[in-house]
N, C-alpha and C. Protein backbone atom coordinates (compact mmCIF):
# COMPACT_ATOMS: atom_id res chain seq x y z
N MET A 1 33.42 -3.32 -7.74
CA MET A 1 33.52 -4.62 -8.39
C MET A 1 32.23 -5.39 -8.16
N MET A 2 31.83 -6.12 -9.16
CA MET A 2 30.58 -6.87 -9.09
C MET A 2 30.88 -8.35 -9.20
N VAL A 3 30.11 -9.15 -8.50
CA VAL A 3 30.33 -10.58 -8.54
C VAL A 3 29.63 -11.16 -9.77
N ASN A 4 30.33 -12.01 -10.48
CA ASN A 4 29.75 -12.75 -11.59
C ASN A 4 29.44 -14.16 -11.11
N HIS A 5 28.71 -14.87 -11.90
CA HIS A 5 28.39 -16.25 -11.51
C HIS A 5 29.67 -17.08 -11.46
N PHE A 6 29.53 -18.32 -11.08
CA PHE A 6 30.71 -19.18 -10.92
C PHE A 6 31.49 -19.30 -12.21
N ARG A 7 32.77 -19.07 -12.10
CA ARG A 7 33.70 -19.34 -13.20
C ARG A 7 34.77 -20.25 -12.61
N ASP A 8 34.96 -21.34 -13.20
CA ASP A 8 35.96 -22.31 -12.74
C ASP A 8 35.71 -22.72 -11.28
N GLY A 9 34.43 -22.79 -10.89
CA GLY A 9 34.09 -23.29 -9.57
C GLY A 9 34.15 -22.28 -8.44
N VAL A 10 34.49 -21.02 -8.73
CA VAL A 10 34.54 -19.99 -7.68
C VAL A 10 33.84 -18.73 -8.19
N HIS A 11 33.45 -17.86 -7.24
CA HIS A 11 32.89 -16.57 -7.65
C HIS A 11 34.00 -15.73 -8.25
N ALA A 12 33.68 -15.00 -9.30
CA ALA A 12 34.68 -14.15 -9.94
C ALA A 12 34.24 -12.70 -9.83
N PHE A 13 35.11 -11.86 -9.29
CA PHE A 13 34.84 -10.43 -9.20
C PHE A 13 35.56 -9.73 -10.34
N THR A 14 34.86 -8.87 -11.05
CA THR A 14 35.49 -8.17 -12.17
C THR A 14 35.10 -6.70 -12.14
N LEU A 15 35.99 -5.85 -12.62
CA LEU A 15 35.68 -4.43 -12.78
C LEU A 15 34.95 -4.20 -14.10
N PHE A 16 35.26 -5.00 -15.09
CA PHE A 16 34.70 -4.79 -16.43
C PHE A 16 34.16 -6.09 -16.99
N ASP A 17 33.14 -5.97 -17.81
CA ASP A 17 32.61 -7.10 -18.56
C ASP A 17 32.76 -6.78 -20.04
N THR A 18 33.11 -7.76 -20.82
CA THR A 18 33.26 -7.55 -22.25
C THR A 18 31.90 -7.71 -22.92
N VAL A 19 31.48 -6.64 -23.61
CA VAL A 19 30.21 -6.64 -24.32
C VAL A 19 30.48 -6.16 -25.74
N LYS A 20 30.07 -6.97 -26.72
CA LYS A 20 30.22 -6.60 -28.12
C LYS A 20 28.86 -6.10 -28.62
N VAL A 21 28.82 -4.86 -29.13
CA VAL A 21 27.58 -4.25 -29.59
C VAL A 21 27.63 -4.06 -31.09
N GLN A 22 26.58 -4.48 -31.79
CA GLN A 22 26.45 -4.27 -33.23
C GLN A 22 25.12 -3.59 -33.50
N TYR A 23 25.13 -2.68 -34.47
CA TYR A 23 23.89 -2.00 -34.89
C TYR A 23 23.52 -2.53 -36.25
N LYS A 24 22.35 -3.15 -36.36
CA LYS A 24 21.94 -3.79 -37.60
C LYS A 24 20.58 -3.25 -38.04
N PRO A 25 20.50 -2.72 -39.28
CA PRO A 25 19.18 -2.31 -39.78
C PRO A 25 18.39 -3.55 -40.20
N ARG A 26 17.13 -3.58 -39.76
CA ARG A 26 16.27 -4.71 -40.12
C ARG A 26 14.86 -4.18 -40.32
N GLU A 27 14.10 -4.93 -41.13
CA GLU A 27 12.72 -4.55 -41.37
C GLU A 27 11.89 -4.86 -40.13
N ILE A 28 10.98 -3.94 -39.78
CA ILE A 28 10.12 -4.14 -38.62
C ILE A 28 9.06 -5.17 -38.99
N PRO A 29 8.94 -6.25 -38.22
CA PRO A 29 7.94 -7.28 -38.54
C PRO A 29 6.52 -6.70 -38.60
N GLY A 30 5.81 -7.02 -39.67
CA GLY A 30 4.43 -6.56 -39.83
C GLY A 30 4.31 -5.19 -40.48
N HIS A 31 5.42 -4.53 -40.76
CA HIS A 31 5.41 -3.21 -41.41
C HIS A 31 6.30 -3.27 -42.65
N LEU A 32 5.69 -3.37 -43.80
CA LEU A 32 6.46 -3.47 -45.04
C LEU A 32 7.23 -2.18 -45.31
N ASN A 33 8.47 -2.34 -45.75
CA ASN A 33 9.36 -1.24 -46.12
C ASN A 33 9.59 -0.24 -44.99
N THR A 34 9.47 -0.68 -43.75
CA THR A 34 9.78 0.16 -42.61
C THR A 34 10.91 -0.52 -41.85
N TYR A 35 11.99 0.25 -41.66
CA TYR A 35 13.19 -0.32 -41.06
C TYR A 35 13.52 0.38 -39.75
N ALA A 36 14.21 -0.36 -38.91
CA ALA A 36 14.72 0.19 -37.65
C ALA A 36 16.13 -0.34 -37.44
N ILE A 37 16.88 0.38 -36.66
CA ILE A 37 18.24 -0.07 -36.34
C ILE A 37 18.18 -0.76 -34.99
N TYR A 38 18.55 -2.01 -34.96
CA TYR A 38 18.51 -2.81 -33.74
C TYR A 38 19.90 -2.91 -33.13
N GLU A 39 19.94 -2.90 -31.79
CA GLU A 39 21.20 -3.16 -31.10
C GLU A 39 21.29 -4.66 -30.84
N VAL A 40 22.39 -5.25 -31.21
CA VAL A 40 22.61 -6.67 -30.99
C VAL A 40 23.83 -6.80 -30.07
N TYR A 41 23.64 -7.48 -28.95
CA TYR A 41 24.70 -7.62 -27.96
C TYR A 41 25.23 -9.04 -27.96
N SER A 42 26.53 -9.15 -27.76
CA SER A 42 27.16 -10.46 -27.58
C SER A 42 27.98 -10.40 -26.30
N VAL A 43 27.72 -11.34 -25.38
CA VAL A 43 28.45 -11.38 -24.11
C VAL A 43 28.86 -12.82 -23.84
N ASN A 44 29.89 -12.96 -23.03
CA ASN A 44 30.34 -14.31 -22.67
C ASN A 44 29.51 -14.89 -21.54
N TYR A 45 28.97 -14.01 -20.71
CA TYR A 45 28.22 -14.47 -19.55
C TYR A 45 26.89 -13.73 -19.48
N LEU A 46 25.85 -14.44 -19.13
CA LEU A 46 24.52 -13.85 -19.04
C LEU A 46 24.48 -12.70 -18.03
N GLN A 47 25.22 -12.83 -16.96
CA GLN A 47 25.19 -11.80 -15.93
C GLN A 47 25.72 -10.46 -16.47
N ALA A 48 26.66 -10.50 -17.39
CA ALA A 48 27.16 -9.27 -17.99
C ALA A 48 26.05 -8.56 -18.75
N PHE A 49 25.24 -9.32 -19.46
CA PHE A 49 24.11 -8.72 -20.18
C PHE A 49 23.08 -8.15 -19.20
N LEU A 50 22.80 -8.88 -18.13
CA LEU A 50 21.81 -8.41 -17.15
C LEU A 50 22.27 -7.14 -16.46
N LYS A 51 23.58 -7.05 -16.13
CA LYS A 51 24.10 -5.83 -15.52
C LYS A 51 23.97 -4.66 -16.48
N MET A 52 24.29 -4.88 -17.76
CA MET A 52 24.20 -3.82 -18.75
C MET A 52 22.74 -3.38 -18.94
N ASP A 53 21.84 -4.33 -19.00
CA ASP A 53 20.42 -4.02 -19.18
C ASP A 53 19.90 -3.23 -17.97
N PHE A 54 20.32 -3.60 -16.78
CA PHE A 54 19.93 -2.90 -15.56
C PHE A 54 20.42 -1.45 -15.58
N MET A 55 21.68 -1.24 -15.97
CA MET A 55 22.23 0.12 -16.02
C MET A 55 21.53 0.96 -17.08
N LYS A 56 21.20 0.36 -18.21
CA LYS A 56 20.48 1.10 -19.26
C LYS A 56 19.08 1.50 -18.78
N ALA A 57 18.44 0.64 -18.01
CA ALA A 57 17.11 0.95 -17.48
C ALA A 57 17.20 2.14 -16.51
N ILE A 58 18.22 2.16 -15.68
CA ILE A 58 18.40 3.28 -14.75
C ILE A 58 18.67 4.57 -15.53
N MET A 59 19.51 4.48 -16.56
CA MET A 59 19.81 5.67 -17.37
C MET A 59 18.58 6.17 -18.12
N ALA A 60 17.67 5.27 -18.49
CA ALA A 60 16.46 5.66 -19.22
C ALA A 60 15.42 6.28 -18.29
N GLY A 61 15.65 6.23 -16.96
CA GLY A 61 14.74 6.87 -16.04
C GLY A 61 13.83 5.93 -15.27
N HIS A 62 14.01 4.64 -15.43
CA HIS A 62 13.20 3.71 -14.64
C HIS A 62 13.64 3.80 -13.18
N ILE A 63 12.67 3.74 -12.29
CA ILE A 63 12.95 3.89 -10.87
C ILE A 63 12.68 2.56 -10.18
N PHE A 64 13.66 2.12 -9.42
CA PHE A 64 13.52 0.89 -8.66
C PHE A 64 13.29 1.26 -7.20
N ARG A 65 12.37 0.58 -6.57
CA ARG A 65 12.04 0.85 -5.18
C ARG A 65 12.06 -0.44 -4.38
N ARG A 66 12.20 -0.29 -3.08
CA ARG A 66 12.05 -1.42 -2.18
C ARG A 66 10.74 -1.24 -1.44
N CYS A 67 9.90 -2.27 -1.50
CA CYS A 67 8.57 -2.23 -0.87
C CYS A 67 8.74 -2.11 0.64
N LYS A 68 8.01 -1.18 1.26
CA LYS A 68 8.08 -1.00 2.70
C LYS A 68 7.44 -2.16 3.46
N ASN A 69 6.60 -2.92 2.77
CA ASN A 69 5.90 -4.01 3.43
C ASN A 69 6.68 -5.33 3.31
N CYS A 70 6.96 -5.77 2.09
CA CYS A 70 7.59 -7.08 1.90
C CYS A 70 9.11 -6.99 1.71
N LYS A 71 9.65 -5.77 1.58
CA LYS A 71 11.09 -5.51 1.45
C LYS A 71 11.69 -6.02 0.14
N ARG A 72 10.85 -6.39 -0.84
CA ARG A 72 11.38 -6.81 -2.14
C ARG A 72 11.44 -5.59 -3.08
N PHE A 73 12.31 -5.68 -4.08
CA PHE A 73 12.43 -4.59 -5.03
C PHE A 73 11.35 -4.69 -6.09
N PHE A 74 10.92 -3.53 -6.62
CA PHE A 74 9.96 -3.51 -7.71
C PHE A 74 10.23 -2.31 -8.59
N LEU A 75 9.76 -2.39 -9.81
CA LEU A 75 9.94 -1.32 -10.78
C LEU A 75 8.75 -0.38 -10.68
N LEU A 76 9.03 0.89 -10.47
CA LEU A 76 7.97 1.90 -10.37
C LEU A 76 7.48 2.19 -11.77
N THR A 77 6.25 1.79 -12.07
CA THR A 77 5.74 1.92 -13.43
C THR A 77 4.70 3.01 -13.58
N HIS A 78 4.15 3.51 -12.49
CA HIS A 78 3.11 4.53 -12.56
C HIS A 78 3.73 5.91 -12.41
N GLY A 79 2.96 6.94 -12.69
CA GLY A 79 3.45 8.30 -12.64
C GLY A 79 3.67 8.82 -11.23
N TYR A 80 3.14 8.17 -10.23
CA TYR A 80 3.30 8.65 -8.87
C TYR A 80 4.36 7.83 -8.16
N LYS A 81 4.84 8.33 -7.07
CA LYS A 81 5.90 7.65 -6.33
C LYS A 81 5.28 6.89 -5.16
N THR A 82 5.23 5.61 -5.29
CA THR A 82 4.63 4.78 -4.26
C THR A 82 5.72 4.05 -3.49
N ALA A 83 5.40 3.63 -2.31
CA ALA A 83 6.35 2.92 -1.47
C ALA A 83 6.00 1.44 -1.34
N TYR A 84 4.94 1.00 -2.02
CA TYR A 84 4.48 -0.39 -1.91
C TYR A 84 4.31 -1.01 -3.29
N CYS A 85 4.61 -2.30 -3.39
CA CYS A 85 4.48 -3.02 -4.66
C CYS A 85 3.06 -3.57 -4.82
N ASP A 86 2.82 -4.22 -5.96
CA ASP A 86 1.51 -4.80 -6.25
C ASP A 86 1.46 -6.30 -6.03
N ARG A 87 2.47 -6.86 -5.37
CA ARG A 87 2.50 -8.31 -5.14
C ARG A 87 1.49 -8.69 -4.05
N PRO A 88 0.92 -9.90 -4.15
CA PRO A 88 0.01 -10.35 -3.09
C PRO A 88 0.77 -10.62 -1.80
N LEU A 89 0.09 -10.43 -0.69
CA LEU A 89 0.69 -10.71 0.62
C LEU A 89 0.86 -12.21 0.80
N ALA A 90 1.90 -12.59 1.51
CA ALA A 90 2.16 -14.02 1.73
C ALA A 90 1.07 -14.66 2.60
N ASP A 91 0.60 -13.93 3.63
CA ASP A 91 -0.38 -14.51 4.53
C ASP A 91 -1.82 -14.31 4.07
N ASN A 92 -2.05 -13.40 3.09
CA ASN A 92 -3.40 -13.18 2.57
C ASN A 92 -3.30 -12.83 1.08
N PRO A 93 -3.31 -13.84 0.20
CA PRO A 93 -3.10 -13.60 -1.23
C PRO A 93 -4.18 -12.74 -1.90
N LYS A 94 -5.31 -12.51 -1.22
CA LYS A 94 -6.35 -11.68 -1.81
C LYS A 94 -6.03 -10.19 -1.68
N ARG A 95 -5.06 -9.84 -0.84
CA ARG A 95 -4.66 -8.45 -0.64
C ARG A 95 -3.24 -8.24 -1.16
N THR A 96 -2.95 -7.02 -1.61
CA THR A 96 -1.61 -6.69 -2.09
C THR A 96 -0.88 -5.83 -1.06
N CYS A 97 0.41 -5.69 -1.25
CA CYS A 97 1.20 -4.83 -0.37
C CYS A 97 0.69 -3.39 -0.44
N ARG A 98 0.27 -2.95 -1.62
CA ARG A 98 -0.22 -1.58 -1.77
C ARG A 98 -1.50 -1.38 -0.95
N GLN A 99 -2.40 -2.36 -0.97
CA GLN A 99 -3.63 -2.26 -0.17
C GLN A 99 -3.30 -2.24 1.32
N GLN A 100 -2.36 -3.09 1.73
CA GLN A 100 -1.96 -3.13 3.13
C GLN A 100 -1.30 -1.82 3.52
N GLY A 101 -0.50 -1.26 2.62
CA GLY A 101 0.15 0.02 2.89
C GLY A 101 -0.86 1.13 3.08
N ALA A 102 -1.91 1.16 2.26
CA ALA A 102 -2.95 2.18 2.40
C ALA A 102 -3.64 2.03 3.76
N LYS A 103 -3.87 0.81 4.17
CA LYS A 103 -4.50 0.56 5.47
C LYS A 103 -3.58 1.03 6.60
N ASN A 104 -2.29 0.75 6.48
CA ASN A 104 -1.34 1.18 7.51
C ASN A 104 -1.27 2.70 7.60
N ILE A 105 -1.30 3.38 6.46
CA ILE A 105 -1.24 4.84 6.45
C ILE A 105 -2.49 5.41 7.12
N ALA A 106 -3.65 4.83 6.82
CA ALA A 106 -4.89 5.29 7.45
C ALA A 106 -4.83 5.09 8.96
N LYS A 107 -4.28 3.97 9.41
CA LYS A 107 -4.15 3.73 10.85
C LYS A 107 -3.22 4.74 11.50
N GLU A 108 -2.10 5.05 10.82
CA GLU A 108 -1.15 6.02 11.37
C GLU A 108 -1.80 7.40 11.50
N LYS A 109 -2.57 7.79 10.49
CA LYS A 109 -3.24 9.09 10.55
C LYS A 109 -4.29 9.10 11.66
N ALA A 110 -4.99 7.98 11.83
CA ALA A 110 -6.05 7.90 12.84
C ALA A 110 -5.48 7.97 14.25
N GLN A 111 -4.27 7.49 14.45
CA GLN A 111 -3.68 7.51 15.78
C GLN A 111 -3.51 8.93 16.30
N ASN A 112 -3.31 9.89 15.40
CA ASN A 112 -3.08 11.27 15.80
C ASN A 112 -4.33 12.14 15.72
N ASN A 113 -5.46 11.57 15.32
CA ASN A 113 -6.68 12.34 15.14
C ASN A 113 -7.59 12.12 16.36
N PRO A 114 -7.86 13.17 17.15
CA PRO A 114 -8.68 12.98 18.35
C PRO A 114 -10.12 12.54 18.04
N VAL A 115 -10.65 12.94 16.89
CA VAL A 115 -12.02 12.54 16.52
C VAL A 115 -12.08 11.03 16.29
N ILE A 116 -11.10 10.51 15.58
CA ILE A 116 -11.06 9.07 15.30
C ILE A 116 -10.86 8.30 16.60
N GLN A 117 -10.04 8.82 17.49
CA GLN A 117 -9.83 8.15 18.78
C GLN A 117 -11.12 8.13 19.59
N SER A 118 -11.85 9.27 19.60
CA SER A 118 -13.14 9.32 20.31
C SER A 118 -14.13 8.34 19.70
N TYR A 119 -14.16 8.29 18.37
CA TYR A 119 -15.06 7.36 17.67
C TYR A 119 -14.74 5.92 18.06
N SER A 120 -13.45 5.57 18.06
CA SER A 120 -13.05 4.19 18.40
C SER A 120 -13.47 3.83 19.82
N ARG A 121 -13.25 4.75 20.75
CA ARG A 121 -13.66 4.48 22.15
C ARG A 121 -15.16 4.31 22.25
N ALA A 122 -15.92 5.20 21.60
CA ALA A 122 -17.39 5.12 21.66
C ALA A 122 -17.89 3.84 21.00
N TYR A 123 -17.27 3.44 19.89
CA TYR A 123 -17.68 2.21 19.20
C TYR A 123 -17.45 1.00 20.11
N ARG A 124 -16.30 0.99 20.78
CA ARG A 124 -16.03 -0.13 21.71
C ARG A 124 -17.04 -0.15 22.85
N ARG A 125 -17.43 1.04 23.35
CA ARG A 125 -18.42 1.10 24.44
C ARG A 125 -19.78 0.56 24.01
N ILE A 126 -20.26 0.99 22.84
CA ILE A 126 -21.59 0.51 22.43
C ILE A 126 -21.56 -0.97 22.08
N THR A 127 -20.44 -1.47 21.57
CA THR A 127 -20.31 -2.90 21.28
C THR A 127 -20.30 -3.70 22.58
N ALA A 128 -19.61 -3.18 23.59
CA ALA A 128 -19.61 -3.85 24.90
C ALA A 128 -21.02 -3.87 25.48
N ASP A 129 -21.74 -2.77 25.34
CA ASP A 129 -23.13 -2.74 25.83
C ASP A 129 -23.99 -3.77 25.11
N LYS A 130 -23.77 -3.93 23.81
CA LYS A 130 -24.52 -4.93 23.05
C LYS A 130 -24.16 -6.34 23.52
N ASN A 131 -22.87 -6.60 23.73
CA ASN A 131 -22.42 -7.92 24.17
C ASN A 131 -22.94 -8.25 25.57
N ARG A 132 -23.09 -7.24 26.42
CA ARG A 132 -23.63 -7.44 27.78
C ARG A 132 -25.15 -7.44 27.79
N GLU A 133 -25.74 -7.27 26.60
CA GLU A 133 -27.19 -7.24 26.41
C GLU A 133 -27.84 -6.05 27.12
N ASN A 134 -27.07 -4.95 27.25
CA ASN A 134 -27.63 -3.71 27.77
C ASN A 134 -28.43 -3.00 26.69
N ILE A 135 -28.06 -3.23 25.43
CA ILE A 135 -28.83 -2.73 24.29
C ILE A 135 -28.99 -3.88 23.31
N ASN A 136 -30.04 -3.82 22.47
CA ASN A 136 -30.24 -4.91 21.51
C ASN A 136 -29.54 -4.60 20.19
N GLU A 137 -29.64 -5.53 19.26
CA GLU A 137 -28.95 -5.42 17.96
C GLU A 137 -29.40 -4.18 17.18
N GLU A 138 -30.69 -3.93 17.14
CA GLU A 138 -31.22 -2.77 16.40
C GLU A 138 -30.72 -1.46 17.00
N GLN A 139 -30.73 -1.37 18.32
CA GLN A 139 -30.24 -0.17 18.99
C GLN A 139 -28.75 0.03 18.73
N TRP A 140 -28.00 -1.07 18.72
CA TRP A 140 -26.57 -1.00 18.43
C TRP A 140 -26.32 -0.48 17.02
N LYS A 141 -27.09 -0.99 16.04
CA LYS A 141 -26.93 -0.53 14.65
C LYS A 141 -27.27 0.95 14.53
N LEU A 142 -28.31 1.38 15.22
CA LEU A 142 -28.71 2.79 15.21
C LEU A 142 -27.60 3.66 15.82
N ALA A 143 -27.05 3.22 16.93
CA ALA A 143 -25.97 3.97 17.60
C ALA A 143 -24.71 3.99 16.73
N LYS A 144 -24.44 2.87 16.07
CA LYS A 144 -23.26 2.79 15.20
C LYS A 144 -23.38 3.78 14.05
N ARG A 145 -24.57 3.86 13.42
CA ARG A 145 -24.79 4.82 12.34
C ARG A 145 -24.62 6.26 12.81
N LYS A 146 -25.16 6.55 13.99
CA LYS A 146 -25.06 7.90 14.56
C LYS A 146 -23.59 8.25 14.83
N LEU A 147 -22.81 7.29 15.36
CA LEU A 147 -21.39 7.52 15.61
C LEU A 147 -20.65 7.82 14.30
N SER A 148 -20.96 7.05 13.26
CA SER A 148 -20.32 7.28 11.96
C SER A 148 -20.65 8.67 11.42
N ASP A 149 -21.90 9.08 11.56
CA ASP A 149 -22.29 10.42 11.11
C ASP A 149 -21.56 11.50 11.89
N LEU A 150 -21.47 11.34 13.20
CA LEU A 150 -20.76 12.32 14.02
C LEU A 150 -19.28 12.40 13.64
N ARG A 151 -18.67 11.24 13.44
CA ARG A 151 -17.26 11.19 13.04
C ARG A 151 -17.06 11.91 11.71
N ASP A 152 -17.92 11.61 10.72
CA ASP A 152 -17.79 12.22 9.40
C ASP A 152 -18.00 13.73 9.46
N MET A 153 -18.95 14.17 10.27
CA MET A 153 -19.19 15.61 10.40
C MET A 153 -17.98 16.31 11.03
N ALA A 154 -17.38 15.70 12.04
CA ALA A 154 -16.22 16.31 12.70
C ALA A 154 -14.99 16.31 11.79
N VAL A 155 -14.78 15.21 11.06
CA VAL A 155 -13.63 15.13 10.16
C VAL A 155 -13.76 16.12 9.01
N SER A 156 -14.97 16.31 8.52
CA SER A 156 -15.19 17.23 7.40
C SER A 156 -15.24 18.69 7.83
N GLY A 157 -15.27 18.95 9.15
CA GLY A 157 -15.25 20.32 9.64
C GLY A 157 -16.62 20.93 9.88
N ARG A 158 -17.69 20.14 9.71
CA ARG A 158 -19.04 20.65 9.95
C ARG A 158 -19.39 20.69 11.44
N MET A 159 -18.53 20.12 12.27
CA MET A 159 -18.76 20.09 13.71
C MET A 159 -17.39 20.19 14.39
N ARG A 160 -17.32 20.88 15.50
CA ARG A 160 -16.06 20.97 16.23
C ARG A 160 -15.75 19.63 16.89
N ASP A 161 -14.46 19.37 17.09
CA ASP A 161 -14.03 18.10 17.69
C ASP A 161 -14.62 17.90 19.08
N ALA A 162 -14.64 18.96 19.87
CA ALA A 162 -15.16 18.86 21.25
C ALA A 162 -16.65 18.54 21.25
N GLU A 163 -17.39 19.13 20.31
CA GLU A 163 -18.82 18.84 20.21
C GLU A 163 -19.05 17.39 19.84
N ALA A 164 -18.27 16.91 18.87
CA ALA A 164 -18.41 15.52 18.43
C ALA A 164 -18.10 14.57 19.57
N GLU A 165 -17.03 14.87 20.32
CA GLU A 165 -16.66 13.99 21.43
C GLU A 165 -17.75 13.97 22.50
N ALA A 166 -18.35 15.13 22.77
CA ALA A 166 -19.44 15.19 23.76
C ALA A 166 -20.65 14.40 23.28
N GLU A 167 -20.97 14.49 21.99
CA GLU A 167 -22.11 13.76 21.42
C GLU A 167 -21.86 12.26 21.40
N MET A 168 -20.59 11.85 21.37
CA MET A 168 -20.25 10.43 21.30
C MET A 168 -20.27 9.75 22.66
N GLN A 169 -20.40 10.48 23.74
CA GLN A 169 -20.49 9.88 25.07
C GLN A 169 -21.75 9.02 25.13
N SER A 170 -21.66 7.87 25.75
CA SER A 170 -22.77 6.90 25.74
C SER A 170 -24.08 7.50 26.21
N GLU A 171 -24.06 8.22 27.34
CA GLU A 171 -25.30 8.76 27.88
C GLU A 171 -25.96 9.72 26.89
N THR A 172 -25.15 10.65 26.32
CA THR A 172 -25.66 11.63 25.37
C THR A 172 -26.13 10.95 24.09
N LEU A 173 -25.35 9.98 23.62
CA LEU A 173 -25.68 9.26 22.39
C LEU A 173 -26.99 8.50 22.55
N TYR A 174 -27.11 7.74 23.62
CA TYR A 174 -28.33 6.96 23.84
C TYR A 174 -29.55 7.86 24.04
N LYS A 175 -29.37 8.98 24.76
CA LYS A 175 -30.47 9.91 25.00
C LYS A 175 -30.95 10.52 23.68
N SER A 176 -30.01 10.90 22.80
CA SER A 176 -30.39 11.51 21.51
C SER A 176 -31.12 10.52 20.61
N LEU A 177 -30.87 9.23 20.80
CA LEU A 177 -31.52 8.20 19.97
C LEU A 177 -32.75 7.59 20.65
N GLY A 178 -33.02 7.99 21.89
CA GLY A 178 -34.17 7.44 22.62
C GLY A 178 -33.96 6.01 23.07
N ILE A 179 -32.71 5.65 23.35
CA ILE A 179 -32.38 4.28 23.79
C ILE A 179 -32.29 4.26 25.30
N ASP A 180 -32.97 3.29 25.92
CA ASP A 180 -32.89 3.09 27.36
C ASP A 180 -31.93 1.94 27.61
N LYS A 181 -30.81 2.22 28.24
CA LYS A 181 -29.81 1.20 28.56
C LYS A 181 -30.26 0.40 29.76
N LYS A 182 -30.15 -0.93 29.72
CA LYS A 182 -30.67 -1.81 30.77
C LYS A 182 -29.74 -1.97 31.96
N ASN A 183 -28.43 -1.78 31.79
CA ASN A 183 -27.44 -1.93 32.87
C ASN A 183 -27.51 -3.27 33.57
N LYS A 184 -27.32 -4.37 32.81
CA LYS A 184 -27.34 -5.71 33.41
C LYS A 184 -26.02 -6.04 34.10
N ARG A 185 -24.94 -5.75 33.46
CA ARG A 185 -23.57 -6.07 33.90
C ARG A 185 -23.52 -7.46 34.37
């Protein structure tokens, strides 16, 4: 049973809604002597029409999904099966749920990838060295580029994970770039 809008001041639950359907041939606007048969519906309540339209959409193959990010329903309109809608985020209107979902998926994959974990640790180390003024801005940028290259080589399979992790160690990284760390602490 489905709830209808207020009837006589209370919610009304019904098993059936009365819908009158007529098929009428009419000329297609803008196309002379071209006719189509139109379905014309008559209902007592708007909700009956909306329920019927919803069921026809499901029968026609439209897929409704609930967004994993905002939990609202959306109509799947593309050929692929996505779990996120295209609505803007409430806290950042410049980003959509789909963009946030892609970012979340990338983070989940990175959590299980030892190369990405090594890269993150090494990046934090060189940034801390820069903040402590053990290395300067130019040296930090050079080290950051080298870390990105090592990460990309390991992810693409051109370098073993263990080799990349060894190259990402601060001492090895700085030595390969000719950087002398000041150790101010």
